[in-house]
Amino acid sequence: MLVDGGVRRGSDVVKACALGARAVMFGRPYLYGLGAAGELGVEWVINYFSAGVKRTMALVGATDVASLRGLVRC
């Protein structure tokens, strides 16, 4: 499953992966960063998402993306 739309922070990426996503796309934040500050804006967005993913994974006790599978039961 691919997730696209509504992804605004790293915790959204972790949630999607925990629910079974194999990939998460975040084009709009990328383009906002590009439009606002060019290459530096894109780097900021990528760092923002990366830090959010790392922080959220640490808070839920996940050491890698594979350990997120099955974390959430629907």
PDB file of N, CA and C in Angstrom:
ATOM      1  N   MET A   1       0.840  -1.165   0.000  1.00  0.00           N
ATOM      2  CA  MET A   1       0.000   0.000   0.000  1.00  0.00           C
ATOM      3  C   MET A   1       0.893   1.238   0.000  1.00  0.00           C
ATOM      4  N   LEU A   2       0.509   2.211  -0.759  1.00  0.00           N
ATOM      5  CA  LEU A   2       1.177   3.511  -0.798  1.00  0.00           C
ATOM      6  C   LEU A   2       0.264   4.538  -0.144  1.00  0.00           C
ATOM      7  N   VAL A   3       0.848   5.471   0.580  1.00  0.00           N
ATOM      8  CA  VAL A   3       0.070   6.526   1.214  1.00  0.00           C
ATOM      9  C   VAL A   3       0.475   7.843   0.574  1.00  0.00           C
ATOM     10  N   ASP A   4      -0.531   8.603   0.160  1.00  0.00           N
ATOM     11  CA  ASP A   4      -0.272   9.906  -0.436  1.00  0.00           C
ATOM     12  C   ASP A   4      -1.381  10.846   0.000  1.00  0.00           C
ATOM     13  N   GLY A   5      -1.017  11.994   0.469  1.00  0.00           N
ATOM     14  CA  GLY A   5      -1.995  12.992   0.871  1.00  0.00           C
ATOM     15  C   GLY A   5      -2.128  13.090   2.375  1.00  0.00           C
ATOM     16  N   GLY A   6      -2.116  14.296   2.880  1.00  0.00           N
ATOM     17  CA  GLY A   6      -2.301  14.530   4.296  1.00  0.00           C
ATOM     18  C   GLY A   6      -1.061  14.312   5.141  1.00  0.00           C
ATOM     19  N   VAL A   7       0.067  14.052   4.523  1.00  0.00           N
ATOM     20  CA  VAL A   7       1.302  13.814   5.268  1.00  0.00           C
ATOM     21  C   VAL A   7       1.983  15.159   5.494  1.00  0.00           C
ATOM     22  N   ARG A   8       2.062  15.560   6.768  1.00  0.00           N
ATOM     23  CA  ARG A   8       2.609  16.878   7.087  1.00  0.00           C
ATOM     24  C   ARG A   8       3.795  16.830   8.039  1.00  0.00           C
ATOM     25  N   ARG A   9       4.030  15.669   8.677  1.00  0.00           N
ATOM     26  CA  ARG A   9       5.136  15.567   9.646  1.00  0.00           C
ATOM     27  C   ARG A   9       5.602  14.127   9.732  1.00  0.00           C
ATOM     28  N   GLY A  10       6.723  13.936  10.400  1.00  0.00           N
ATOM     29  CA  GLY A  10       7.307  12.606  10.516  1.00  0.00           C
ATOM     30  C   GLY A  10       6.412  11.602  11.209  1.00  0.00           C
ATOM     31  N   SER A  11       5.628  12.060  12.174  1.00  0.00           N
ATOM     32  CA  SER A  11       4.733  11.137  12.875  1.00  0.00           C
ATOM     33  C   SER A  11       3.675  10.568  11.923  1.00  0.00           C
ATOM     34  N   ASP A  12       3.290  11.322  10.907  1.00  0.00           N
ATOM     35  CA  ASP A  12       2.352  10.806   9.904  1.00  0.00           C
ATOM     36  C   ASP A  12       2.976   9.659   9.117  1.00  0.00           C
ATOM     37  N   VAL A  13       4.261   9.762   8.845  1.00  0.00           N
ATOM     38  CA  VAL A  13       4.977   8.692   8.132  1.00  0.00           C
ATOM     39  C   VAL A  13       5.006   7.431   8.985  1.00  0.00           C
ATOM     40  N   VAL A  14       5.306   7.585  10.269  1.00  0.00           N
ATOM     41  CA  VAL A  14       5.365   6.432  11.176  1.00  0.00           C
ATOM     42  C   VAL A  14       3.989   5.789  11.307  1.00  0.00           C
ATOM     43  N   LYS A  15       2.942   6.576  11.434  1.00  0.00           N
ATOM     44  CA  LYS A  15       1.585   6.042  11.536  1.00  0.00           C
ATOM     45  C   LYS A  15       1.228   5.233  10.298  1.00  0.00           C
ATOM     46  N   ALA A  16       1.538   5.775   9.133  1.00  0.00           N
ATOM     47  CA  ALA A  16       1.224   5.082   7.887  1.00  0.00           C
ATOM     48  C   ALA A  16       1.976   3.758   7.793  1.00  0.00           C
ATOM     49  N   CYS A  17       3.247   3.766   8.174  1.00  0.00           N
ATOM     50  CA  CYS A  17       4.035   2.521   8.149  1.00  0.00           C
ATOM     51  C   CYS A  17       3.488   1.506   9.137  1.00  0.00           C
ATOM     52  N   ALA A  18       3.064   1.970  10.307  1.00  0.00           N
ATOM     53  CA  ALA A  18       2.511   1.074  11.314  1.00  0.00           C
ATOM     54  C   ALA A  18       1.205   0.449  10.829  1.00  0.00           C
ATOM     55  N   LEU A  19       0.486   1.165   9.974  1.00  0.00           N
ATOM     56  CA  LEU A  19      -0.768   0.642   9.434  1.00  0.00           C
ATOM     57  C   LEU A  19      -0.565  -0.208   8.183  1.00  0.00           C
ATOM     58  N   GLY A  20       0.690  -0.390   7.768  1.00  0.00           N
ATOM     59  CA  GLY A  20       0.979  -1.291   6.665  1.00  0.00           C
ATOM     60  C   GLY A  20       1.462  -0.656   5.370  1.00  0.00           C
ATOM     61  N   ALA A  21       1.709   0.637   5.362  1.00  0.00           N
ATOM     62  CA  ALA A  21       2.188   1.291   4.145  1.00  0.00           C
ATOM     63  C   ALA A  21       3.599   0.824   3.813  1.00  0.00           C
ATOM     64  N   ARG A  22       3.852   0.602   2.547  1.00  0.00           N
ATOM     65  CA  ARG A  22       5.198   0.251   2.083  1.00  0.00           C
ATOM     66  C   ARG A  22       5.970   1.494   1.667  1.00  0.00           C
ATOM     67  N   ALA A  23       5.255   2.574   1.382  1.00  0.00           N
ATOM     68  CA  ALA A  23       5.877   3.840   1.006  1.00  0.00           C
ATOM     69  C   ALA A  23       4.929   4.981   1.361  1.00  0.00           C
ATOM     70  N   VAL A  24       5.507   6.125   1.714  1.00  0.00           N
ATOM     71  CA  VAL A  24       4.736   7.317   2.058  1.00  0.00           C
ATOM     72  C   VAL A  24       5.267   8.466   1.222  1.00  0.00           C
ATOM     73  N   MET A  25       4.378   9.152   0.527  1.00  0.00           N
ATOM     74  CA  MET A  25       4.783  10.249  -0.345  1.00  0.00           C
ATOM     75  C   MET A  25       4.403  11.583   0.298  1.00  0.00           C
ATOM     76  N   PHE A  26       5.279  12.551   0.207  1.00  0.00           N
ATOM     77  CA  PHE A  26       4.981  13.876   0.753  1.00  0.00           C
ATOM     78  C   PHE A  26       5.446  14.940  -0.227  1.00  0.00           C
ATOM     79  N   GLY A  27       4.760  15.060  -1.328  1.00  0.00           N
ATOM     80  CA  GLY A  27       5.137  15.998  -2.380  1.00  0.00           C
ATOM     81  C   GLY A  27       4.846  17.444  -2.061  1.00  0.00           C
ATOM     82  N   ARG A  28       3.722  17.704  -1.413  1.00  0.00           N
ATOM     83  CA  ARG A  28       3.357  19.095  -1.162  1.00  0.00           C
ATOM     84  C   ARG A  28       4.338  19.786  -0.217  1.00  0.00           C
ATOM     85  N   PRO A  29       4.706  19.193   0.932  1.00  0.00           N
ATOM     86  CA  PRO A  29       5.703  19.865   1.773  1.00  0.00           C
ATOM     87  C   PRO A  29       7.028  20.099   1.041  1.00  0.00           C
ATOM     88  N   TYR A  30       7.426  19.130   0.226  1.00  0.00           N
ATOM     89  CA  TYR A  30       8.650  19.259  -0.572  1.00  0.00           C
ATOM     90  C   TYR A  30       8.552  20.484  -1.477  1.00  0.00           C
ATOM     91  N   LEU A  31       7.417  20.617  -2.151  1.00  0.00           N
ATOM     92  CA  LEU A  31       7.246  21.753  -3.069  1.00  0.00           C
ATOM     93  C   LEU A  31       7.122  23.075  -2.327  1.00  0.00           C
ATOM     94  N   TYR A  32       6.507  23.065  -1.136  1.00  0.00           N
ATOM     95  CA  TYR A  32       6.448  24.288  -0.336  1.00  0.00           C
ATOM     96  C   TYR A  32       7.859  24.739   0.035  1.00  0.00           C
ATOM     97  N   GLY A  33       8.690  23.791   0.455  1.00  0.00           N
ATOM     98  CA  GLY A  33      10.074  24.127   0.791  1.00  0.00           C
ATOM     99  C   GLY A  33      10.823  24.655  -0.410  1.00  0.00           C
ATOM    100  N   LEU A  34      10.614  24.021  -1.559  1.00  0.00           N
ATOM    101  CA  LEU A  34      11.271  24.458  -2.787  1.00  0.00           C
ATOM    102  C   LEU A  34      10.840  25.869  -3.156  1.00  0.00           C
ATOM    103  N   GLY A  35       9.552  26.135  -3.071  1.00  0.00           N
ATOM    104  CA  GLY A  35       9.040  27.454  -3.421  1.00  0.00           C
ATOM    105  C   GLY A  35       9.477  28.545  -2.457  1.00  0.00           C
ATOM    106  N   ALA A  36       9.593  28.184  -1.184  1.00  0.00           N
ATOM    107  CA  ALA A  36       9.924  29.178  -0.163  1.00  0.00           C
ATOM    108  C   ALA A  36      11.411  29.505  -0.123  1.00  0.00           C
ATOM    109  N   ALA A  37      12.259  28.485  -0.285  1.00  0.00           N
ATOM    110  CA  ALA A  37      13.690  28.740  -0.083  1.00  0.00           C
ATOM    111  C   ALA A  37      14.584  27.941  -1.021  1.00  0.00           C
ATOM    112  N   GLY A  38      14.027  27.397  -2.085  1.00  0.00           N
ATOM    113  CA  GLY A  38      14.844  26.664  -3.044  1.00  0.00           C
ATOM    114  C   GLY A  38      15.442  25.396  -2.443  1.00  0.00           C
ATOM    115  N   GLU A  39      16.676  25.124  -2.801  1.00  0.00           N
ATOM    116  CA  GLU A  39      17.344  23.903  -2.352  1.00  0.00           C
ATOM    117  C   GLU A  39      17.419  23.825  -0.826  1.00  0.00           C
ATOM    118  N   LEU A  40      17.705  24.938  -0.167  1.00  0.00           N
ATOM    119  CA  LEU A  40      17.770  24.945   1.296  1.00  0.00           C
ATOM    120  C   LEU A  40      16.419  24.625   1.920  1.00  0.00           C
ATOM    121  N   GLY A  41      15.351  25.070   1.282  1.00  0.00           N
ATOM    122  CA  GLY A  41      14.011  24.763   1.775  1.00  0.00           C
ATOM    123  C   GLY A  41      13.700  23.282   1.676  1.00  0.00           C
ATOM    124  N   VAL A  42      14.112  22.661   0.584  1.00  0.00           N
ATOM    125  CA  VAL A  42      13.906  21.220   0.419  1.00  0.00           C
ATOM    126  C   VAL A  42      14.724  20.457   1.453  1.00  0.00           C
ATOM    127  N   GLU A  43      15.967  20.875   1.672  1.00  0.00           N
ATOM    128  CA  GLU A  43      16.793  20.220   2.699  1.00  0.00           C
ATOM    129  C   GLU A  43      16.149  20.351   4.075  1.00  0.00           C
ATOM    130  N   TRP A  44      15.589  21.522   4.374  1.00  0.00           N
ATOM    131  CA  TRP A  44      14.933  21.721   5.660  1.00  0.00           C
ATOM    132  C   TRP A  44      13.748  20.766   5.814  1.00  0.00           C
ATOM    133  N   VAL A  45      12.927  20.640   4.775  1.00  0.00           N
ATOM    134  CA  VAL A  45      11.760  19.748   4.827  1.00  0.00           C
ATOM    135  C   VAL A  45      12.203  18.303   5.047  1.00  0.00           C
ATOM    136  N   ILE A  46      13.209  17.866   4.328  1.00  0.00           N
ATOM    137  CA  ILE A  46      13.691  16.495   4.482  1.00  0.00           C
ATOM    138  C   ILE A  46      14.229  16.271   5.892  1.00  0.00           C
ATOM    139  N   ASN A  47      14.982  17.229   6.426  1.00  0.00           N
ATOM    140  CA  ASN A  47      15.495  17.120   7.796  1.00  0.00           C
ATOM    141  C   ASN A  47      14.362  17.127   8.821  1.00  0.00           C
ATOM    142  N   TYR A  48      13.337  17.943   8.575  1.00  0.00           N
ATOM    143  CA  TYR A  48      12.168  18.016   9.458  1.00  0.00           C
ATOM    144  C   TYR A  48      11.460  16.664   9.511  1.00  0.00           C
ATOM    145  N   PHE A  49      11.227  16.062   8.359  1.00  0.00           N
ATOM    146  CA  PHE A  49      10.566  14.753   8.309  1.00  0.00           C
ATOM    147  C   PHE A  49      11.442  13.681   8.945  1.00  0.00           C
ATOM    148  N   SER A  50      12.719  13.703   8.656  1.00  0.00           N
ATOM    149  CA  SER A  50      13.640  12.708   9.209  1.00  0.00           C
ATOM    150  C   SER A  50      13.681  12.781  10.730  1.00  0.00           C
ATOM    151  N   ALA A  51      13.781  13.981  11.271  1.00  0.00           N
ATOM    152  CA  ALA A  51      13.812  14.153  12.724  1.00  0.00           C
ATOM    153  C   ALA A  51      12.494  13.697  13.350  1.00  0.00           C
ATOM    154  N   GLY A  52      11.384  13.998  12.696  1.00  0.00           N
ATOM    155  CA  GLY A  52      10.076  13.584  13.202  1.00  0.00           C
ATOM    156  C   GLY A  52       9.905  12.078  13.205  1.00  0.00           C
ATOM    157  N   VAL A  53      10.390  11.418  12.155  1.00  0.00           N
ATOM    158  CA  VAL A  53      10.319   9.957  12.094  1.00  0.00           C
ATOM    159  C   VAL A  53      11.165   9.346  13.203  1.00  0.00           C
ATOM    160  N   LYS A  54      12.383   9.833  13.360  1.00  0.00           N
ATOM    161  CA  LYS A  54      13.280   9.298  14.399  1.00  0.00           C
ATOM    162  C   LYS A  54      12.696   9.503  15.790  1.00  0.00           C
ATOM    163  N   ARG A  55      12.172  10.699  16.052  1.00  0.00           N
ATOM    164  CA  ARG A  55      11.610  11.009  17.359  1.00  0.00           C
ATOM    165  C   ARG A  55      10.408  10.120  17.664  1.00  0.00           C
ATOM    166  N   THR A  56       9.499   9.985  16.711  1.00  0.00           N
ATOM    167  CA  THR A  56       8.298   9.184  16.920  1.00  0.00           C
ATOM    168  C   THR A  56       8.629   7.715  17.091  1.00  0.00           C
ATOM    169  N   MET A  57       9.573   7.222  16.300  1.00  0.00           N
ATOM    170  CA  MET A  57       9.964   5.819  16.446  1.00  0.00           C
ATOM    171  C   MET A  57      10.583   5.586  17.829  1.00  0.00           C
ATOM    172  N   ALA A  58      11.356   6.530  18.322  1.00  0.00           N
ATOM    173  CA  ALA A  58      11.930   6.387  19.661  1.00  0.00           C
ATOM    174  C   ALA A  58      10.834   6.387  20.722  1.00  0.00           C
ATOM    175  N   LEU A  59       9.827   7.235  20.549  1.00  0.00           N
ATOM    176  CA  LEU A  59       8.745   7.313  21.530  1.00  0.00           C
ATOM    177  C   LEU A  59       7.897   6.044  21.579  1.00  0.00           C
ATOM    178  N   VAL A  60       7.733   5.360  20.434  1.00  0.00           N
ATOM    179  CA  VAL A  60       6.939   4.122  20.428  1.00  0.00           C
ATOM    180  C   VAL A  60       7.801   2.898  20.653  1.00  0.00           C
ATOM    181  N   GLY A  61       9.108   3.081  20.756  1.00  0.00           N
ATOM    182  CA  GLY A  61      10.000   1.969  21.041  1.00  0.00           C
ATOM    183  C   GLY A  61      10.362   1.117  19.837  1.00  0.00           C
ATOM    184  N   ALA A  62      10.236   1.677  18.651  1.00  0.00           N
ATOM    185  CA  ALA A  62      10.581   0.954  17.424  1.00  0.00           C
ATOM    186  C   ALA A  62      12.027   1.245  17.049  1.00  0.00           C
ATOM    187  N   THR A  63      12.769   0.191  16.729  1.00  0.00           N
ATOM    188  CA  THR A  63      14.168   0.374  16.352  1.00  0.00           C
ATOM    189  C   THR A  63      14.366   0.432  14.853  1.00  0.00           C
ATOM    190  N   ASP A  64      13.409  -0.078  14.088  1.00  0.00           N
ATOM    191  CA  ASP A  64      13.459  -0.005  12.628  1.00  0.00           C
ATOM    192  C   ASP A  64      12.040  -0.044  12.081  1.00  0.00           C
ATOM    193  N   VAL A  65      11.901   0.213  10.783  1.00  0.00           N
ATOM    194  CA  VAL A  65      10.578   0.285  10.169  1.00  0.00           C
ATOM    195  C   VAL A  65       9.862  -1.065  10.242  1.00  0.00           C
ATOM    196  N   ALA A  66      10.601  -2.157  10.130  1.00  0.00           N
ATOM    197  CA  ALA A  66       9.985  -3.486  10.188  1.00  0.00           C
ATOM    198  C   ALA A  66       9.310  -3.729  11.536  1.00  0.00           C
ATOM    199  N   SER A  67       9.838  -3.149  12.603  1.00  0.00           N
ATOM    200  CA  SER A  67       9.240  -3.355  13.919  1.00  0.00           C
ATOM    201  C   SER A  67       7.941  -2.560  14.103  1.00  0.00           C
ATOM    202  N   LEU A  68       7.656  -1.652  13.170  1.00  0.00           N
ATOM    203  CA  LEU A  68       6.388  -0.918  13.222  1.00  0.00           C
ATOM    204  C   LEU A  68       5.224  -1.785  12.760  1.00  0.00           C
ATOM    205  N   ARG A  69       5.488  -2.753  11.911  1.00  0.00           N
ATOM    206  CA  ARG A  69       4.428  -3.617  11.411  1.00  0.00           C
ATOM    207  C   ARG A  69       3.788  -4.345  12.581  1.00  0.00           C
ATOM    208  N   GLY A  70       2.491  -4.316  12.614  1.00  0.00           N
ATOM    209  CA  GLY A  70       1.781  -4.998  13.669  1.00  0.00           C
ATOM    210  C   GLY A  70       1.672  -4.200  14.958  1.00  0.00           C
ATOM    211  N   LEU A  71       2.260  -3.000  14.979  1.00  0.00           N
ATOM    212  CA  LEU A  71       2.195  -2.159  16.156  1.00  0.00           C
ATOM    213  C   LEU A  71       0.761  -1.669  16.386  1.00  0.00           C
ATOM    214  N   VAL A  72       0.053  -1.431  15.285  1.00  0.00           N
ATOM    215  CA  VAL A  72      -1.328  -0.948  15.348  1.00  0.00           C
ATOM    216  C   VAL A  72      -2.232  -2.042  14.814  1.00  0.00           C
ATOM    217  N   ARG A  73      -3.266  -2.344  15.537  1.00  0.00           N
ATOM    218  CA  ARG A  73      -4.251  -3.337  15.099  1.00  0.00           C
ATOM    219  C   ARG A  73      -5.550  -2.604  14.782  1.00  0.00           C
ATOM    220  N   CYS A  74      -6.056  -2.836  13.591  1.00  0.00           N
ATOM    221  CA  CYS A  74      -7.309  -2.190  13.173  1.00  0.00           C
ATOM    222  C   CYS A  74      -8.453  -3.186  13.199  1.00  0.00           C
TER     223      CYS A  74
END
